[in-house]
Amino acid sequence: MGPHFCGETFFRHTLPTDPSSLTRWLKRIGEAVVERLLSESLDAARRGRVVKSRSFDNVIIDTTVMEEAIA
């Protein structure tokens, strides 16, 4: 994982945290808080002019790590 994704100052060959910890944290804070974090992040990117609003016209979502919800 590159240092630019998690604030590290050097390249590490291991994950900065156990993936299951992130999963448990996301479940604990709930979907509404996750949505708010995403919304605030996108708004900050717009305000900081690092993305253009039209960049959000098409959104690609990678769901390869999401749990399957098969009925």
PDB file of N, CA and C in Angstrom:
ATOM      1  N   MET A   1       0.852  -1.174   0.000  1.00  0.00           N
ATOM      2  CA  MET A   1       0.000   0.000   0.000  1.00  0.00           C
ATOM      3  C   MET A   1       0.895   1.233   0.000  1.00  0.00           C
ATOM      4  N   GLY A   2       0.588   2.171  -0.862  1.00  0.00           N
ATOM      5  CA  GLY A   2       1.373   3.395  -0.954  1.00  0.00           C
ATOM      6  C   GLY A   2       1.116   4.326   0.217  1.00  0.00           C
ATOM      7  N   PRO A   3       2.110   5.117   0.588  1.00  0.00           N
ATOM      8  CA  PRO A   3       1.959   6.019   1.731  1.00  0.00           C
ATOM      9  C   PRO A   3       0.939   7.123   1.505  1.00  0.00           C
ATOM     10  N   HIS A   4       0.641   7.459   0.256  1.00  0.00           N
ATOM     11  CA  HIS A   4      -0.274   8.566  -0.019  1.00  0.00           C
ATOM     12  C   HIS A   4      -1.720   8.265   0.355  1.00  0.00           C
ATOM     13  N   PHE A   5      -2.076   7.011   0.591  1.00  0.00           N
ATOM     14  CA  PHE A   5      -3.453   6.680   0.944  1.00  0.00           C
ATOM     15  C   PHE A   5      -3.712   6.754   2.441  1.00  0.00           C
ATOM     16  N   CYS A   6      -2.686   6.630   3.251  1.00  0.00           N
ATOM     17  CA  CYS A   6      -2.929   6.557   4.696  1.00  0.00           C
ATOM     18  C   CYS A   6      -2.048   7.499   5.508  1.00  0.00           C
ATOM     19  N   GLY A   7      -1.364   8.426   4.855  1.00  0.00           N
ATOM     20  CA  GLY A   7      -0.574   9.405   5.578  1.00  0.00           C
ATOM     21  C   GLY A   7       0.801   8.934   6.017  1.00  0.00           C
ATOM     22  N   GLU A   8       1.215   7.767   5.611  1.00  0.00           N
ATOM     23  CA  GLU A   8       2.545   7.269   5.964  1.00  0.00           C
ATOM     24  C   GLU A   8       3.614   8.085   5.253  1.00  0.00           C
ATOM     25  N   THR A   9       4.793   8.131   5.818  1.00  0.00           N
ATOM     26  CA  THR A   9       5.898   8.861   5.194  1.00  0.00           C
ATOM     27  C   THR A   9       6.838   7.934   4.433  1.00  0.00           C
ATOM     28  N   PHE A  10       6.563   6.641   4.483  1.00  0.00           N
ATOM     29  CA  PHE A  10       7.403   5.675   3.782  1.00  0.00           C
ATOM     30  C   PHE A  10       6.524   4.560   3.233  1.00  0.00           C
ATOM     31  N   PHE A  11       7.055   3.807   2.275  1.00  0.00           N
ATOM     32  CA  PHE A  11       6.310   2.697   1.692  1.00  0.00           C
ATOM     33  C   PHE A  11       6.398   1.499   2.618  1.00  0.00           C
ATOM     34  N   ARG A  12       5.275   0.874   2.873  1.00  0.00           N
ATOM     35  CA  ARG A  12       5.289  -0.344   3.678  1.00  0.00           C
ATOM     36  C   ARG A  12       4.721  -1.485   2.848  1.00  0.00           C
ATOM     37  N   HIS A  13       5.209  -2.678   3.107  1.00  0.00           N
ATOM     38  CA  HIS A  13       4.781  -3.855   2.361  1.00  0.00           C
ATOM     39  C   HIS A  13       3.653  -4.601   3.065  1.00  0.00           C
ATOM     40  N   THR A  14       3.191  -4.069   4.180  1.00  0.00           N
ATOM     41  CA  THR A  14       2.079  -4.674   4.907  1.00  0.00           C
ATOM     42  C   THR A  14       0.957  -3.649   5.022  1.00  0.00           C
ATOM     43  N   LEU A  15      -0.232  -4.129   5.294  1.00  0.00           N
ATOM     44  CA  LEU A  15      -1.360  -3.223   5.481  1.00  0.00           C
ATOM     45  C   LEU A  15      -1.185  -2.445   6.784  1.00  0.00           C
ATOM     46  N   PRO A  16      -1.627  -1.187   6.831  1.00  0.00           N
ATOM     47  CA  PRO A  16      -1.458  -0.387   8.045  1.00  0.00           C
ATOM     48  C   PRO A  16      -2.336  -0.856   9.200  1.00  0.00           C
ATOM     49  N   THR A  17      -3.382  -1.588   8.895  1.00  0.00           N
ATOM     50  CA  THR A  17      -4.274  -2.113   9.925  1.00  0.00           C
ATOM     51  C   THR A  17      -4.906  -3.395   9.411  1.00  0.00           C
ATOM     52  N   ASP A  18      -5.436  -4.172  10.306  1.00  0.00           N
ATOM     53  CA  ASP A  18      -6.109  -5.398   9.913  1.00  0.00           C
ATOM     54  C   ASP A  18      -7.424  -5.045   9.220  1.00  0.00           C
ATOM     55  N   PRO A  19      -7.687  -5.587   8.030  1.00  0.00           N
ATOM     56  CA  PRO A  19      -8.922  -5.246   7.311  1.00  0.00           C
ATOM     57  C   PRO A  19     -10.193  -5.503   8.117  1.00  0.00           C
ATOM     58  N   SER A  20     -10.181  -6.516   8.980  1.00  0.00           N
ATOM     59  CA  SER A  20     -11.383  -6.803   9.765  1.00  0.00           C
ATOM     60  C   SER A  20     -11.667  -5.686  10.775  1.00  0.00           C
ATOM     61  N   SER A  21     -10.632  -4.967  11.214  1.00  0.00           N
ATOM     62  CA  SER A  21     -10.844  -3.838  12.132  1.00  0.00           C
ATOM     63  C   SER A  21     -11.654  -2.746  11.450  1.00  0.00           C
ATOM     64  N   LEU A  22     -11.338  -2.464  10.192  1.00  0.00           N
ATOM     65  CA  LEU A  22     -12.085  -1.456   9.443  1.00  0.00           C
ATOM     66  C   LEU A  22     -13.531  -1.900   9.247  1.00  0.00           C
ATOM     67  N   THR A  23     -13.730  -3.169   8.947  1.00  0.00           N
ATOM     68  CA  THR A  23     -15.084  -3.698   8.770  1.00  0.00           C
ATOM     69  C   THR A  23     -15.892  -3.539  10.053  1.00  0.00           C
ATOM     70  N   ARG A  24     -15.297  -3.912  11.191  1.00  0.00           N
ATOM     71  CA  ARG A  24     -16.011  -3.783  12.476  1.00  0.00           C
ATOM     72  C   ARG A  24     -16.312  -2.321  12.793  1.00  0.00           C
ATOM     73  N   TRP A  25     -15.364  -1.426  12.515  1.00  0.00           N
ATOM     74  CA  TRP A  25     -15.567   0.004  12.770  1.00  0.00           C
ATOM     75  C   TRP A  25     -16.698   0.548  11.913  1.00  0.00           C
ATOM     76  N   LEU A  26     -16.724   0.189  10.635  1.00  0.00           N
ATOM     77  CA  LEU A  26     -17.790   0.658   9.750  1.00  0.00           C
ATOM     78  C   LEU A  26     -19.155   0.167  10.214  1.00  0.00           C
ATOM     79  N   LYS A  27     -19.234  -1.079  10.667  1.00  0.00           N
ATOM     80  CA  LYS A  27     -20.507  -1.607  11.168  1.00  0.00           C
ATOM     81  C   LYS A  27     -20.919  -0.895  12.454  1.00  0.00           C
ATOM     82  N   ARG A  28     -19.939  -0.565  13.296  1.00  0.00           N
ATOM     83  CA  ARG A  28     -20.241   0.087  14.574  1.00  0.00           C
ATOM     84  C   ARG A  28     -20.760   1.508  14.376  1.00  0.00           C
ATOM     85  N   ILE A  29     -20.170   2.273  13.447  1.00  0.00           N
ATOM     86  CA  ILE A  29     -20.616   3.655  13.267  1.00  0.00           C
ATOM     87  C   ILE A  29     -21.904   3.745  12.465  1.00  0.00           C
ATOM     88  N   GLY A  30     -22.201   2.740  11.669  1.00  0.00           N
ATOM     89  CA  GLY A  30     -23.472   2.696  10.952  1.00  0.00           C
ATOM     90  C   GLY A  30     -23.446   3.362   9.588  1.00  0.00           C
ATOM     91  N   GLU A  31     -24.416   2.978   8.784  1.00  0.00           N
ATOM     92  CA  GLU A  31     -24.500   3.437   7.400  1.00  0.00           C
ATOM     93  C   GLU A  31     -24.686   4.951   7.290  1.00  0.00           C
ATOM     94  N   ALA A  32     -25.484   5.529   8.177  1.00  0.00           N
ATOM     95  CA  ALA A  32     -25.743   6.971   8.102  1.00  0.00           C
ATOM     96  C   ALA A  32     -24.459   7.777   8.302  1.00  0.00           C
ATOM     97  N   VAL A  33     -23.623   7.351   9.235  1.00  0.00           N
ATOM     98  CA  VAL A  33     -22.371   8.066   9.493  1.00  0.00           C
ATOM     99  C   VAL A  33     -21.396   7.873   8.331  1.00  0.00           C
ATOM    100  N   VAL A  34     -21.359   6.669   7.771  1.00  0.00           N
ATOM    101  CA  VAL A  34     -20.499   6.416   6.608  1.00  0.00           C
ATOM    102  C   VAL A  34     -20.921   7.313   5.449  1.00  0.00           C
ATOM    103  N   GLU A  35     -22.223   7.434   5.229  1.00  0.00           N
ATOM    104  CA  GLU A  35     -22.731   8.310   4.165  1.00  0.00           C
ATOM    105  C   GLU A  35     -22.329   9.763   4.421  1.00  0.00           C
ATOM    106  N   ARG A  36     -22.414  10.187   5.678  1.00  0.00           N
ATOM    107  CA  ARG A  36     -22.040  11.572   6.011  1.00  0.00           C
ATOM    108  C   ARG A  36     -20.546  11.806   5.796  1.00  0.00           C
ATOM    109  N   LEU A  37     -19.714  10.832   6.189  1.00  0.00           N
ATOM    110  CA  LEU A  37     -18.269  10.948   5.966  1.00  0.00           C
ATOM    111  C   LEU A  37     -17.954  11.068   4.479  1.00  0.00           C
ATOM    112  N   LEU A  38     -18.615  10.251   3.667  1.00  0.00           N
ATOM    113  CA  LEU A  38     -18.407  10.311   2.219  1.00  0.00           C
ATOM    114  C   LEU A  38     -18.845  11.664   1.675  1.00  0.00           C
ATOM    115  N   SER A  39     -20.014  12.119   2.094  1.00  0.00           N
ATOM    116  CA  SER A  39     -20.543  13.395   1.630  1.00  0.00           C
ATOM    117  C   SER A  39     -19.619  14.553   2.010  1.00  0.00           C
ATOM    118  N   GLU A  40     -19.152  14.560   3.251  1.00  0.00           N
ATOM    119  CA  GLU A  40     -18.246  15.617   3.708  1.00  0.00           C
ATOM    120  C   GLU A  40     -16.925  15.579   2.938  1.00  0.00           C
ATOM    121  N   SER A  41     -16.429  14.380   2.656  1.00  0.00           N
ATOM    122  CA  SER A  41     -15.180  14.244   1.893  1.00  0.00           C
ATOM    123  C   SER A  41     -15.333  14.808   0.491  1.00  0.00           C
ATOM    124  N   LEU A  42     -16.450  14.489  -0.152  1.00  0.00           N
ATOM    125  CA  LEU A  42     -16.693  14.989  -1.505  1.00  0.00           C
ATOM    126  C   LEU A  42     -16.889  16.502  -1.510  1.00  0.00           C
ATOM    127  N   ASP A  43     -17.604  17.017  -0.508  1.00  0.00           N
ATOM    128  CA  ASP A  43     -17.793  18.471  -0.408  1.00  0.00           C
ATOM    129  C   ASP A  43     -16.459  19.186  -0.181  1.00  0.00           C
ATOM    130  N   ALA A  44     -15.605  18.610   0.648  1.00  0.00           N
ATOM    131  CA  ALA A  44     -14.287  19.210   0.898  1.00  0.00           C
ATOM    132  C   ALA A  44     -13.448  19.217  -0.374  1.00  0.00           C
ATOM    133  N   ALA A  45     -13.552  18.160  -1.166  1.00  0.00           N
ATOM    134  CA  ALA A  45     -12.817  18.099  -2.439  1.00  0.00           C
ATOM    135  C   ALA A  45     -13.309  19.183  -3.393  1.00  0.00           C
ATOM    136  N   ARG A  46     -14.618  19.403  -3.416  1.00  0.00           N
ATOM    137  CA  ARG A  46     -15.169  20.474  -4.260  1.00  0.00           C
ATOM    138  C   ARG A  46     -14.706  21.851  -3.773  1.00  0.00           C
ATOM    139  N   ARG A  47     -14.834  22.082  -2.469  1.00  0.00           N
ATOM    140  CA  ARG A  47     -14.430  23.378  -1.903  1.00  0.00           C
ATOM    141  C   ARG A  47     -12.946  23.653  -2.125  1.00  0.00           C
ATOM    142  N   GLY A  48     -12.143  22.619  -2.027  1.00  0.00           N
ATOM    143  CA  GLY A  48     -10.705  22.770  -2.230  1.00  0.00           C
ATOM    144  C   GLY A  48     -10.306  22.802  -3.691  1.00  0.00           C
ATOM    145  N   ARG A  49     -11.301  22.680  -4.553  1.00  0.00           N
ATOM    146  CA  ARG A  49     -11.095  22.711  -6.004  1.00  0.00           C
ATOM    147  C   ARG A  49     -10.122  21.639  -6.494  1.00  0.00           C
ATOM    148  N   VAL A  50     -10.174  20.471  -5.841  1.00  0.00           N
ATOM    149  CA  VAL A  50      -9.357  19.355  -6.318  1.00  0.00           C
ATOM    150  C   VAL A  50     -10.145  18.451  -7.256  1.00  0.00           C
ATOM    151  N   VAL A  51     -11.465  18.640  -7.285  1.00  0.00           N
ATOM    152  CA  VAL A  51     -12.320  17.960  -8.264  1.00  0.00           C
ATOM    153  C   VAL A  51     -13.350  18.955  -8.778  1.00  0.00           C
ATOM    154  N   LYS A  52     -13.822  18.686  -9.957  1.00  0.00           N
ATOM    155  CA  LYS A  52     -14.873  19.518 -10.539  1.00  0.00           C
ATOM    156  C   LYS A  52     -16.211  18.843 -10.288  1.00  0.00           C
ATOM    157  N   SER A  53     -17.256  19.638 -10.112  1.00  0.00           N
ATOM    158  CA  SER A  53     -18.589  19.090  -9.851  1.00  0.00           C
ATOM    159  C   SER A  53     -19.020  18.122 -10.941  1.00  0.00           C
ATOM    160  N   ARG A  54     -18.634  18.397 -12.182  1.00  0.00           N
ATOM    161  CA  ARG A  54     -19.036  17.499 -13.272  1.00  0.00           C
ATOM    162  C   ARG A  54     -18.378  16.122 -13.157  1.00  0.00           C
ATOM    163  N   SER A  55     -17.328  16.013 -12.335  1.00  0.00           N
ATOM    164  CA  SER A  55     -16.697  14.713 -12.119  1.00  0.00           C
ATOM    165  C   SER A  55     -17.653  13.737 -11.438  1.00  0.00           C
ATOM    166  N   PHE A  56     -18.688  14.267 -10.805  1.00  0.00           N
ATOM    167  CA  PHE A  56     -19.638  13.425 -10.090  1.00  0.00           C
ATOM    168  C   PHE A  56     -20.849  13.050 -10.940  1.00  0.00           C
ATOM    169  N   ASP A  57     -20.840  13.432 -12.217  1.00  0.00           N
ATOM    170  CA  ASP A  57     -21.941  13.067 -13.108  1.00  0.00           C
ATOM    171  C   ASP A  57     -22.035  11.555 -13.280  1.00  0.00           C
ATOM    172  N   ASN A  58     -20.892  10.892 -13.374  1.00  0.00           N
ATOM    173  CA  ASN A  58     -20.824   9.435 -13.480  1.00  0.00           C
ATOM    174  C   ASN A  58     -19.972   8.922 -12.335  1.00  0.00           C
ATOM    175  N   VAL A  59     -20.515   8.000 -11.580  1.00  0.00           N
ATOM    176  CA  VAL A  59     -19.793   7.452 -10.439  1.00  0.00           C
ATOM    177  C   VAL A  59     -19.591   5.964 -10.663  1.00  0.00           C
ATOM    178  N   ILE A  60     -18.364   5.508 -10.470  1.00  0.00           N
ATOM    179  CA  ILE A  60     -18.043   4.087 -10.592  1.00  0.00           C
ATOM    180  C   ILE A  60     -17.780   3.563  -9.186  1.00  0.00           C
ATOM    181  N   ILE A  61     -18.474   2.503  -8.821  1.00  0.00           N
ATOM    182  CA  ILE A  61     -18.336   1.932  -7.486  1.00  0.00           C
ATOM    183  C   ILE A  61     -17.770   0.530  -7.605  1.00  0.00           C
ATOM    184  N   ASP A  62     -16.686   0.278  -6.897  1.00  0.00           N
ATOM    185  CA  ASP A  62     -16.071  -1.046  -6.872  1.00  0.00           C
ATOM    186  C   ASP A  62     -16.646  -1.798  -5.677  1.00  0.00           C
ATOM    187  N   THR A  63     -17.410  -2.833  -5.945  1.00  0.00           N
ATOM    188  CA  THR A  63     -18.064  -3.580  -4.870  1.00  0.00           C
ATOM    189  C   THR A  63     -17.408  -4.930  -4.619  1.00  0.00           C
ATOM    190  N   THR A  64     -16.184  -5.110  -5.053  1.00  0.00           N
ATOM    191  CA  THR A  64     -15.549  -6.418  -4.916  1.00  0.00           C
ATOM    192  C   THR A  64     -15.303  -6.815  -3.467  1.00  0.00           C
ATOM    193  N   VAL A  65     -15.303  -5.872  -2.528  1.00  0.00           N
ATOM    194  CA  VAL A  65     -15.053  -6.209  -1.133  1.00  0.00           C
ATOM    195  C   VAL A  65     -16.316  -6.135  -0.279  1.00  0.00           C
ATOM    196  N   MET A  66     -17.460  -5.892  -0.898  1.00  0.00           N
ATOM    197  CA  MET A  66     -18.709  -5.805  -0.142  1.00  0.00           C
ATOM    198  C   MET A  66     -19.292  -7.196   0.086  1.00  0.00           C
ATOM    199  N   GLU A  67     -19.964  -7.344   1.209  1.00  0.00           N
ATOM    200  CA  GLU A  67     -20.627  -8.606   1.493  1.00  0.00           C
ATOM    201  C   GLU A  67     -21.758  -8.818   0.505  1.00  0.00           C
ATOM    202  N   GLU A  68     -21.970 -10.061   0.147  1.00  0.00           N
ATOM    203  CA  GLU A  68     -23.055 -10.368  -0.783  1.00  0.00           C
ATOM    204  C   GLU A  68     -24.375 -10.409  -0.024  1.00  0.00           C
ATOM    205  N   ALA A  69     -25.378  -9.802  -0.602  1.00  0.00           N
ATOM    206  CA  ALA A  69     -26.715  -9.813  -0.005  1.00  0.00           C
ATOM    207  C   ALA A  69     -27.636 -10.586  -0.941  1.00  0.00           C
ATOM    208  N   ILE A  70     -27.524 -11.882  -0.873  1.00  0.00           N
ATOM    209  CA  ILE A  70     -28.318 -12.736  -1.756  1.00  0.00           C
ATOM    210  C   ILE A  70     -29.524 -13.246  -0.981  1.00  0.00           C
ATOM    211  N   ALA A  71     -30.697 -12.977  -1.517  1.00  0.00           N
ATOM    212  CA  ALA A  71     -31.929 -13.407  -0.841  1.00  0.00           C
ATOM    213  C   ALA A  71     -32.268 -14.834  -1.207  1.00  0.00           C
TER     214      ALA A  71
END
